[in-house]
C-alpha atoms as a PDB file:
ATOM      1  CA  UNK A   1      21.397 -11.585  -8.059  1.00  0.00           C
ATOM      2  CA  UNK A   2      20.138  -8.357  -9.609  1.00  0.00           C
ATOM      3  CA  UNK A   3      22.955  -5.872 -10.138  1.00  0.00           C
ATOM      4  CA  UNK A   4      21.010  -3.273 -12.129  1.00  0.00           C
ATOM      5  CA  UNK A   5      23.618  -0.771 -13.188  1.00  0.00           C
ATOM      6  CA  UNK A   6      23.002   2.955 -12.986  1.00  0.00           C
ATOM      7  CA  UNK A   7      24.348   6.183 -11.561  1.00  0.00           C
ATOM      8  CA  UNK A   8      21.754   6.942  -8.900  1.00  0.00           C
ATOM      9  CA  UNK A   9      24.415   6.895  -6.174  1.00  0.00           C
ATOM     10  CA  UNK A  10      27.308   8.329  -8.175  1.00  0.00           C
ATOM     11  CA  UNK A  11      29.896   9.939  -5.919  1.00  0.00           C
ATOM     12  CA  UNK A  12      28.209   8.697  -2.738  1.00  0.00           C
ATOM     13  CA  UNK A  13      29.891   6.804   0.081  1.00  0.00           C
ATOM     14  CA  UNK A  14      27.859   4.040   1.697  1.00  0.00           C
ATOM     15  CA  UNK A  15      28.330   1.685   4.637  1.00  0.00           C
ATOM     16  CA  UNK A  16      26.417  -1.609   4.613  1.00  0.00           C
ATOM     17  CA  UNK A  17      26.558  -3.811   7.711  1.00  0.00           C
ATOM     18  CA  UNK A  18      25.846  -7.529   7.579  1.00  0.00           C
ATOM     19  CA  UNK A  19      27.274  -7.351   4.061  1.00  0.00           C
ATOM     20  CA  UNK A  20      28.904 -10.769   4.088  1.00  0.00           C
ATOM     21  CA  UNK A  21      25.857 -12.551   2.666  1.00  0.00           C
ATOM     22  CA  UNK A  22      22.167 -12.346   1.861  1.00  0.00           C
ATOM     23  CA  UNK A  23      20.459  -8.958   1.883  1.00  0.00           C
ATOM     24  CA  UNK A  24      23.618  -7.100   2.898  1.00  0.00           C
ATOM     25  CA  UNK A  25      25.694  -8.566   0.088  1.00  0.00           C
ATOM     26  CA  UNK A  26      22.984  -7.966  -2.506  1.00  0.00           C
ATOM     27  CA  UNK A  27      22.652  -4.364  -1.342  1.00  0.00           C
ATOM     28  CA  UNK A  28      26.397  -3.695  -1.316  1.00  0.00           C
ATOM     29  CA  UNK A  29      26.645  -4.952  -4.892  1.00  0.00           C
ATOM     30  CA  UNK A  30      23.628  -2.961  -6.054  1.00  0.00           C
ATOM     31  CA  UNK A  31      24.856   0.246  -4.389  1.00  0.00           C
ATOM     32  CA  UNK A  32      28.268  -0.201  -6.023  1.00  0.00           C
ATOM     33  CA  UNK A  33      26.701  -0.927  -9.415  1.00  0.00           C
ATOM     34  CA  UNK A  34      24.863   2.369  -9.040  1.00  0.00           C
ATOM     35  CA  UNK A  35      28.026   4.376  -8.519  1.00  0.00           C
ATOM     36  CA  UNK A  36      28.609   4.343  -4.766  1.00  0.00           C
ATOM     37  CA  UNK A  37      31.847   3.647  -2.976  1.00  0.00           C
ATOM     38  CA  UNK A  38      30.742   0.888  -0.595  1.00  0.00           C
ATOM     39  CA  UNK A  39      32.249  -0.204   2.703  1.00  0.00           C
ATOM     40  CA  UNK A  40      30.982  -3.754   3.280  1.00  0.00           C
ATOM     41  CA  UNK A  41      30.980  -4.619   6.983  1.00  0.00           C
ATOM     42  CA  UNK A  42      30.519  -7.955   8.704  1.00  0.00           C
ATOM     43  CA  UNK A  43      31.511  -9.457  12.031  1.00  0.00           C
ATOM     44  CA  UNK A  44      33.406 -12.254  10.250  1.00  0.00           C
ATOM     45  CA  UNK A  45      35.599 -12.161   7.163  1.00  0.00           C
ATOM     46  CA  UNK A  46      32.759 -12.927   4.726  1.00  0.00           C
ATOM     47  CA  UNK A  47      32.632  -9.282   3.635  1.00  0.00           C
ATOM     48  CA  UNK A  48      35.948  -9.920   1.892  1.00  0.00           C
ATOM     49  CA  UNK A  49      34.177 -12.202  -0.566  1.00  0.00           C
ATOM     50  CA  UNK A  50      31.508  -9.571  -1.152  1.00  0.00           C
ATOM     51  CA  UNK A  51      34.256  -7.082  -1.990  1.00  0.00           C
ATOM     52  CA  UNK A  52      35.616  -9.395  -4.685  1.00  0.00           C
ATOM     53  CA  UNK A  53      32.244  -9.576  -6.432  1.00  0.00           C
ATOM     54  CA  UNK A  54      31.921  -5.921  -7.372  1.00  0.00           C
ATOM     55  CA  UNK A  55      33.928  -2.796  -8.073  1.00  0.00           C
ATOM     56  CA  UNK A  56      34.410   0.019  -5.560  1.00  0.00           C
ATOM     57  CA  UNK A  57      33.700  -2.217  -2.565  1.00  0.00           C
ATOM     58  CA  UNK A  58      36.052  -2.504   0.388  1.00  0.00           C
ATOM     59  CA  UNK A  59      35.617  -4.890   3.299  1.00  0.00           C
ATOM     60  CA  UNK A  60      35.840  -4.145   7.021  1.00  0.00           C
ATOM     61  CA  UNK A  61      35.511  -6.675   9.818  1.00  0.00           C
ATOM     62  CA  UNK A  62      33.528  -5.148  12.686  1.00  0.00           C
ATOM     63  CA  UNK A  63      30.735  -5.959  15.124  1.00  0.00           C
ATOM     64  CA  UNK A  64      27.780  -3.717  14.266  1.00  0.00           C
ATOM     65  CA  UNK A  65      26.459  -4.000  17.822  1.00  0.00           C
ATOM     66  CA  UNK A  66      29.677  -2.820  19.479  1.00  0.00           C
ATOM     67  CA  UNK A  67      29.790   0.906  20.228  1.00  0.00           C
ATOM     68  CA  UNK A  68      33.560   1.299  20.086  1.00  0.00           C
ATOM     69  CA  UNK A  69      33.748  -0.582  16.794  1.00  0.00           C
ATOM     70  CA  UNK A  70      30.947   1.392  15.153  1.00  0.00           C
ATOM     71  CA  UNK A  71      32.260   4.758  16.305  1.00  0.00           C
ATOM     72  CA  UNK A  72      35.709   3.870  14.927  1.00  0.00           C
ATOM     73  CA  UNK A  73      34.242   2.532  11.683  1.00  0.00           C
ATOM     74  CA  UNK A  74      32.271   5.681  10.903  1.00  0.00           C
ATOM     75  CA  UNK A  75      35.104   7.990  11.923  1.00  0.00           C
ATOM     76  CA  UNK A  76      37.497   5.993   9.751  1.00  0.00           C
ATOM     77  CA  UNK A  77      35.215   6.085   6.709  1.00  0.00           C
ATOM     78  CA  UNK A  78      34.765   9.854   6.953  1.00  0.00           C
ATOM     79  CA  UNK A  79      38.512  10.405   7.308  1.00  0.00           C
ATOM     80  CA  UNK A  80      39.305   8.074   4.404  1.00  0.00           C
ATOM     81  CA  UNK A  81      36.644   9.267   1.966  1.00  0.00           C
ATOM     82  CA  UNK A  82      35.798  12.762   3.128  1.00  0.00           C
ATOM     83  CA  UNK A  83      32.059  12.077   3.245  1.00  0.00           C
ATOM     84  CA  UNK A  84      29.384   9.606   4.345  1.00  0.00           C
ATOM     85  CA  UNK A  85      26.084   9.691   2.493  1.00  0.00           C
ATOM     86  CA  UNK A  86      24.393   6.377   3.264  1.00  0.00           C
ATOM     87  CA  UNK A  87      24.425   3.872   6.105  1.00  0.00           C
ATOM     88  CA  UNK A  88      22.409   0.675   5.858  1.00  0.00           C
ATOM     89  CA  UNK A  89      22.257  -0.932   9.323  1.00  0.00           C
ATOM     90  CA  UNK A  90      21.356  -4.389   8.102  1.00  0.00           C
ATOM     91  CA  UNK A  91      23.307  -6.733  10.404  1.00  0.00           C
ATOM     92  CA  UNK A  92      21.053  -9.023  12.392  1.00  0.00           C
ATOM     93  CA  UNK A  93      20.642 -12.433  13.967  1.00  0.00           C
ATOM     94  CA  UNK A  94      17.609 -14.684  14.307  1.00  0.00           C
ATOM     95  CA  UNK A  95      18.050 -16.255  17.732  1.00  0.00           C
ATOM     96  CA  UNK A  96      15.817 -19.166  16.735  1.00  0.00           C
ATOM     97  CA  UNK A  97      12.139 -19.784  17.369  1.00  0.00           C
ATOM     98  CA  UNK A  98      12.172 -20.860  21.011  1.00  0.00           C
ATOM     99  CA  UNK A  99       9.261 -19.470  23.021  1.00  0.00           C
ATOM    100  CA  UNK A 100       9.489 -16.872  25.771  1.00  0.00           C
ATOM    101  CA  UNK A 101       9.562 -19.544  28.465  1.00  0.00           C
ATOM    102  CA  UNK A 102      12.482 -21.308  26.814  1.00  0.00           C
ATOM    103  CA  UNK A 103      14.663 -18.243  26.232  1.00  0.00           C
ATOM    104  CA  UNK A 104      17.095 -16.731  28.714  1.00  0.00           C
ATOM    105  CA  UNK A 105      17.919 -13.124  29.480  1.00  0.00           C
ATOM    106  CA  UNK A 106      21.288 -13.738  27.833  1.00  0.00           C
ATOM    107  CA  UNK A 107      19.510 -14.785  24.639  1.00  0.00           C
ATOM    108  CA  UNK A 108      17.562 -11.538  24.651  1.00  0.00           C
ATOM    109  CA  UNK A 109      20.600  -9.418  25.442  1.00  0.00           C
ATOM    110  CA  UNK A 110      22.513 -10.726  22.431  1.00  0.00           C
ATOM    111  CA  UNK A 111      19.608 -10.514  19.988  1.00  0.00           C
ATOM    112  CA  UNK A 112      18.729  -6.980  21.075  1.00  0.00           C
ATOM    113  CA  UNK A 113      22.406  -5.979  21.051  1.00  0.00           C
ATOM    114  CA  UNK A 114      22.840  -6.873  17.399  1.00  0.00           C
ATOM    115  CA  UNK A 115      19.365  -6.203  16.008  1.00  0.00           C
ATOM    116  CA  UNK A 116      18.374  -3.050  17.892  1.00  0.00           C
ATOM    117  CA  UNK A 117      21.455  -1.528  19.480  1.00  0.00           C
ATOM    118  CA  UNK A 118      23.266  -1.936  16.160  1.00  0.00           C
ATOM    119  CA  UNK A 119      20.844   0.379  14.292  1.00  0.00           C
ATOM    120  CA  UNK A 120      20.843   2.757  17.278  1.00  0.00           C
ATOM    121  CA  UNK A 121      24.636   3.047  17.009  1.00  0.00           C
ATOM    122  CA  UNK A 122      24.378   3.634  13.270  1.00  0.00           C
ATOM    123  CA  UNK A 123      21.940   6.484  13.804  1.00  0.00           C
ATOM    124  CA  UNK A 124      23.933   7.946  16.695  1.00  0.00           C
ATOM    125  CA  UNK A 125      27.334   8.026  15.021  1.00  0.00           C
ATOM    126  CA  UNK A 126      26.402   8.304  11.355  1.00  0.00           C
ATOM    127  CA  UNK A 127      23.807  10.947  12.144  1.00  0.00           C
ATOM    128  CA  UNK A 128      26.384  13.128  13.897  1.00  0.00           C
ATOM    129  CA  UNK A 129      28.949  12.621  11.156  1.00  0.00           C
ATOM    130  CA  UNK A 130      26.506  13.310   8.321  1.00  0.00           C
ATOM    131  CA  UNK A 131      25.112  16.386  10.044  1.00  0.00           C
ATOM    132  CA  UNK A 132      28.600  17.841  10.358  1.00  0.00           C
ATOM    133  CA  UNK A 133      29.370  17.139   6.711  1.00  0.00           C
ATOM    134  CA  UNK A 134      26.111  18.736   5.606  1.00  0.00           C
ATOM    135  CA  UNK A 135      26.702  21.821   7.762  1.00  0.00           C
ATOM    136  CA  UNK A 136      30.189  22.217   6.305  1.00  0.00           C
ATOM    137  CA  UNK A 137      28.870  21.936   2.746  1.00  0.00           C
ATOM    138  CA  UNK A 138      30.669  18.682   1.906  1.00  0.00           C
ATOM    139  CA  UNK A 139      27.362  16.998   1.051  1.00  0.00           C
ATOM    140  CA  UNK A 140      23.743  18.056   0.948  1.00  0.00           C
ATOM    141  CA  UNK A 141      21.872  15.110   2.475  1.00  0.00           C
ATOM    142  CA  UNK A 142      22.145  11.755   4.218  1.00  0.00           C
ATOM    143  CA  UNK A 143      20.169   8.532   4.352  1.00  0.00           C
ATOM    144  CA  UNK A 144      20.196   6.014   7.202  1.00  0.00           C
ATOM    145  CA  UNK A 145      18.347   2.740   6.633  1.00  0.00           C
ATOM    146  CA  UNK A 146      17.773  -0.129   9.066  1.00  0.00           C
ATOM    147  CA  UNK A 147      16.524  -3.655   8.488  1.00  0.00           C
ATOM    148  CA  UNK A 148      13.413  -4.343  10.542  1.00  0.00           C
ATOM    149  CA  UNK A 149      10.992  -7.184   9.678  1.00  0.00           C
ATOM    150  CA  UNK A 150       7.341  -8.053   9.292  1.00  0.00           C
ATOM    151  CA  UNK A 151       7.967  -9.875  12.588  1.00  0.00           C
ATOM    152  CA  UNK A 152       8.142  -6.425  14.143  1.00  0.00           C
ATOM    153  CA  UNK A 153       4.633  -5.553  12.955  1.00  0.00           C
ATOM    154  CA  UNK A 154       2.775  -8.298  14.809  1.00  0.00           C
ATOM    155  CA  UNK A 155       3.406 -11.705  16.368  1.00  0.00           C
ATOM    156  CA  UNK A 156       3.676 -14.932  14.423  1.00  0.00           C
ATOM    157  CA  UNK A 157       6.541 -14.209  12.033  1.00  0.00           C
ATOM    158  CA  UNK A 158       9.575 -14.800  14.233  1.00  0.00           C
ATOM    159  CA  UNK A 159      10.908 -15.725  17.648  1.00  0.00           C
ATOM    160  CA  UNK A 160       9.986 -13.535  20.650  1.00  0.00           C
ATOM    161  CA  UNK A 161      13.260 -11.661  21.073  1.00  0.00           C
ATOM    162  CA  UNK A 162      13.764 -11.286  17.328  1.00  0.00           C
ATOM    163  CA  UNK A 163      10.248  -9.920  16.868  1.00  0.00           C
ATOM    164  CA  UNK A 164      10.616  -7.518  19.786  1.00  0.00           C
ATOM    165  CA  UNK A 165      13.952  -6.292  18.453  1.00  0.00           C
ATOM    166  CA  UNK A 166      12.472  -5.593  15.027  1.00  0.00           C
ATOM    167  CA  UNK A 167       9.483  -3.784  16.520  1.00  0.00           C
ATOM    168  CA  UNK A 168      12.062  -1.664  18.294  1.00  0.00           C
ATOM    169  CA  UNK A 169      13.789  -0.890  15.000  1.00  0.00           C
ATOM    170  CA  UNK A 170      10.518   0.333  13.478  1.00  0.00           C
ATOM    171  CA  UNK A 171      10.032   2.783  16.333  1.00  0.00           C
ATOM    172  CA  UNK A 172      13.723   3.658  16.406  1.00  0.00           C
ATOM    173  CA  UNK A 173      13.741   5.007  12.835  1.00  0.00           C
ATOM    174  CA  UNK A 174      10.740   7.192  13.661  1.00  0.00           C
ATOM    175  CA  UNK A 175      12.548   8.557  16.699  1.00  0.00           C
ATOM    176  CA  UNK A 176      15.724   8.978  14.651  1.00  0.00           C
ATOM    177  CA  UNK A 177      13.902  10.941  11.969  1.00  0.00           C
ATOM    178  CA  UNK A 178      12.542  13.304  14.626  1.00  0.00           C
ATOM    179  CA  UNK A 179      15.853  13.639  16.458  1.00  0.00           C
ATOM    180  CA  UNK A 180      17.522  14.618  13.175  1.00  0.00           C
ATOM    181  CA  UNK A 181      14.803  17.104  12.200  1.00  0.00           C
ATOM    182  CA  UNK A 182      16.183  19.965  10.131  1.00  0.00           C
ATOM    183  CA  UNK A 183      19.423  18.151   9.287  1.00  0.00           C
ATOM    184  CA  UNK A 184      18.338  16.862   5.848  1.00  0.00           C
ATOM    185  CA  UNK A 185      19.131  13.328   7.018  1.00  0.00           C
ATOM    186  CA  UNK A 186      16.381  10.777   6.449  1.00  0.00           C
ATOM    187  CA  UNK A 187      15.971   7.667   8.611  1.00  0.00           C
ATOM    188  CA  UNK A 188      13.860   4.747   7.384  1.00  0.00           C
ATOM    189  CA  UNK A 189      13.452   1.002   7.828  1.00  0.00           C
ATOM    190  CA  UNK A 190      12.739  -1.934   5.548  1.00  0.00           C
ATOM    191  CA  UNK A 191      10.471  -4.739   6.789  1.00  0.00           C
ATOM    192  CA  UNK A 192      11.255  -7.848   4.737  1.00  0.00           C
ATOM    193  CA  UNK A 193       8.939 -10.827   4.673  1.00  0.00           C
ATOM    194  CA  UNK A 194      10.252 -14.343   4.074  1.00  0.00           C
ATOM    195  CA  UNK A 195      13.534 -13.931   2.166  1.00  0.00           C
ATOM    196  CA  UNK A 196      15.921 -16.765   1.331  1.00  0.00           C
ATOM    197  CA  UNK A 197      19.113 -15.870   3.190  1.00  0.00           C
ATOM    198  CA  UNK A 198      21.565 -17.627   5.477  1.00  0.00           C
ATOM    199  CA  UNK A 199      19.272 -16.798   8.390  1.00  0.00           C
ATOM    200  CA  UNK A 200      16.245 -18.492   6.830  1.00  0.00           C
ATOM    201  CA  UNK A 201      18.134 -21.268   5.036  1.00  0.00           C
ATOM    202  CA  UNK A 202      17.244 -23.942   7.628  1.00  0.00           C
ATOM    203  CA  UNK A 203      13.542 -23.265   6.957  1.00  0.00           C
ATOM    204  CA  UNK A 204      14.016 -23.551   3.200  1.00  0.00           C
ATOM    205  CA  UNK A 205      16.179 -26.661   3.540  1.00  0.00           C
ATOM    206  CA  UNK A 206      13.635 -28.365   5.808  1.00  0.00           C
ATOM    207  CA  UNK A 207      10.718 -27.674   3.480  1.00  0.00           C
ATOM    208  CA  UNK A 208      12.642 -28.738   0.394  1.00  0.00           C
ATOM    209  CA  UNK A 209      13.841 -31.942   2.069  1.00  0.00           C
ATOM    210  CA  UNK A 210      10.206 -32.758   2.830  1.00  0.00           C
ATOM    211  CA  UNK A 211       9.283 -32.223  -0.825  1.00  0.00           C
ATOM    212  CA  UNK A 212       7.055 -29.259   0.024  1.00  0.00           C
ATOM    213  CA  UNK A 213       8.925 -26.410  -1.655  1.00  0.00           C
ATOM    214  CA  UNK A 214       5.680 -25.200  -3.224  1.00  0.00           C
ATOM    215  CA  UNK A 215       4.499 -24.237   0.263  1.00  0.00           C
ATOM    216  CA  UNK A 216       7.239 -21.631   0.719  1.00  0.00           C
ATOM    217  CA  UNK A 217       5.593 -18.244   0.996  1.00  0.00           C
ATOM    218  CA  UNK A 218       2.108 -19.703   0.640  1.00  0.00           C
ATOM    219  CA  UNK A 219       0.643 -17.296   3.211  1.00  0.00           C
ATOM    220  CA  UNK A 220       1.314 -14.187   1.133  1.00  0.00           C
ATOM    221  CA  UNK A 221      -0.731 -13.201  -1.957  1.00  0.00           C
ATOM    222  CA  UNK A 222       2.252 -13.663  -4.306  1.00  0.00           C
ATOM    223  CA  UNK A 223       2.552 -17.257  -3.013  1.00  0.00           C
ATOM    224  CA  UNK A 224       6.359 -17.275  -2.979  1.00  0.00           C
ATOM    225  CA  UNK A 225       9.309 -16.318  -0.868  1.00  0.00           C
ATOM    226  CA  UNK A 226      11.468 -13.327  -1.721  1.00  0.00           C
ATOM    227  CA  UNK A 227      15.116 -13.042  -2.702  1.00  0.00           C
ATOM    228  CA  UNK A 228      17.786 -10.668  -1.331  1.00  0.00           C
ATOM    229  CA  UNK A 229      17.904  -8.561  -4.501  1.00  0.00           C
ATOM    230  CA  UNK A 230      14.275  -7.542  -3.953  1.00  0.00           C
ATOM    231  CA  UNK A 231      15.171  -6.046  -0.582  1.00  0.00           C
ATOM    232  CA  UNK A 232      18.290  -4.465  -2.092  1.00  0.00           C
ATOM    233  CA  UNK A 233      16.075  -2.641  -4.581  1.00  0.00           C
ATOM    234  CA  UNK A 234      14.062  -1.194  -1.694  1.00  0.00           C
ATOM    235  CA  UNK A 235      17.303  -0.123  -0.007  1.00  0.00           C
ATOM    236  CA  UNK A 236      18.448   1.568  -3.226  1.00  0.00           C
ATOM    237  CA  UNK A 237      15.172   3.488  -3.349  1.00  0.00           C
ATOM    238  CA  UNK A 238      15.572   4.677   0.244  1.00  0.00           C
ATOM    239  CA  UNK A 239      19.237   5.556  -0.312  1.00  0.00           C
ATOM    240  CA  UNK A 240      18.593   7.586  -3.450  1.00  0.00           C
ATOM    241  CA  UNK A 241      16.960  10.912  -4.228  1.00  0.00           C
ATOM    242  CA  UNK A 242      13.912   9.030  -5.507  1.00  0.00           C
ATOM    243  CA  UNK A 243      12.818   8.781  -1.856  1.00  0.00           C
ATOM    244  CA  UNK A 244      13.731  12.364  -0.951  1.00  0.00           C
ATOM    245  CA  UNK A 245      10.404  12.923   0.847  1.00  0.00           C
ATOM    246  CA  UNK A 246      10.278   9.550   2.612  1.00  0.00           C
ATOM    247  CA  UNK A 247      11.328   9.836   6.247  1.00  0.00           C
ATOM    248  CA  UNK A 248      10.548   8.023   9.494  1.00  0.00           C
ATOM    249  CA  UNK A 249       8.910   5.247   7.479  1.00  0.00           C
ATOM    250  CA  UNK A 250       8.952   1.438   7.662  1.00  0.00           C
ATOM    251  CA  UNK A 251       8.735   0.128   4.082  1.00  0.00           C
ATOM    252  CA  UNK A 252       7.175  -3.351   4.002  1.00  0.00           C
ATOM    253  CA  UNK A 253       8.500  -5.695   1.305  1.00  0.00           C
ATOM    254  CA  UNK A 254       6.748  -9.007   1.986  1.00  0.00           C
ATOM    255  CA  UNK A 255       4.697 -10.092  -1.015  1.00  0.00           C
ATOM    256  CA  UNK A 256       1.587  -8.819   0.750  1.00  0.00           C
ATOM    257  CA  UNK A 257       1.909 -11.054   3.824  1.00  0.00           C
ATOM    258  CA  UNK A 258       1.162  -8.284   6.315  1.00  0.00           C
ATOM    259  CA  UNK A 259      -1.912  -7.100   4.413  1.00  0.00           C
ATOM    260  CA  UNK A 260      -3.799  -9.767   6.358  1.00  0.00           C
ATOM    261  CA  UNK A 261      -3.229 -11.703   9.576  1.00  0.00           C
ATOM    262  CA  UNK A 262      -2.044 -15.238   8.743  1.00  0.00           C
ATOM    263  CA  UNK A 263      -0.252 -16.822  11.656  1.00  0.00           C
ATOM    264  CA  UNK A 264       0.919 -20.007  13.327  1.00  0.00           C
ATOM    265  CA  UNK A 265      -0.622 -20.126  16.795  1.00  0.00           C
ATOM    266  CA  UNK A 266       1.515 -21.069  19.766  1.00  0.00           C
ATOM    267  CA  UNK A 267      -0.424 -21.823  22.936  1.00  0.00           C
ATOM    268  CA  UNK A 268       0.911 -21.855  26.464  1.00  0.00           C
ATOM    269  CA  UNK A 269       2.580 -25.155  27.230  1.00  0.00           C
ATOM    270  CA  UNK A 270       2.507 -26.313  23.603  1.00  0.00           C
ATOM    271  CA  UNK A 271       4.834 -26.032  20.655  1.00  0.00           C
ATOM    272  CA  UNK A 272       3.885 -24.041  17.580  1.00  0.00           C
ATOM    273  CA  UNK A 273       1.294 -25.772  15.378  1.00  0.00           C
END
């Protein structure tokens, strides 16, 4: 895991959701290594382990898709630290690869609740809190980041509900940037490609068990999968002043996968080929 030390976020306070593993953990550690006070959030207690791996990281157990929990979390962070500079709405679930005709409305409700409503709540409550802090002179800017996906760019990279939720996130950050116009708060998304995390581990395990590890990431020009630290670096860029003129943008980090249109076709009445 890349923990490139620096001071790009010195004095900043950052919330990272889904910080118990994968991209969220890598980002929490990288933010902390770059000087931020990090609140690592996860629905389970796995954020506690993240907090033990780096300095200036505290763990909070909360459901990122629950409005009461997120409102309380952000209010609590502002009261405890006196500021809130960065929120990375990273928490998400896959929901599997079942087709539209095999999914239920309940499946969609839960996937959209976590993957899309979660970032909406981050923008709603963090945006208000940051705007107030900026107006009062406590801080001069804010950055809200959400995890989208290349699955949100076009079909073929994820399950139906997951892909729809991530497409929603891409549009949500554009709306958020416009709704916060004049506040000096930037809202952006990251669209990861295939990254080895807990969510994608079954795919990696299946391919490795079949002795076909060399095929991982074969559809992108770099011919490999990514690792969480590579997405964390993108999050650090969007959180820092280096991206001070980047707003309402979906940053694709996928090894070049989305530069073309590789796909696995799924036809009506048949499983994916």
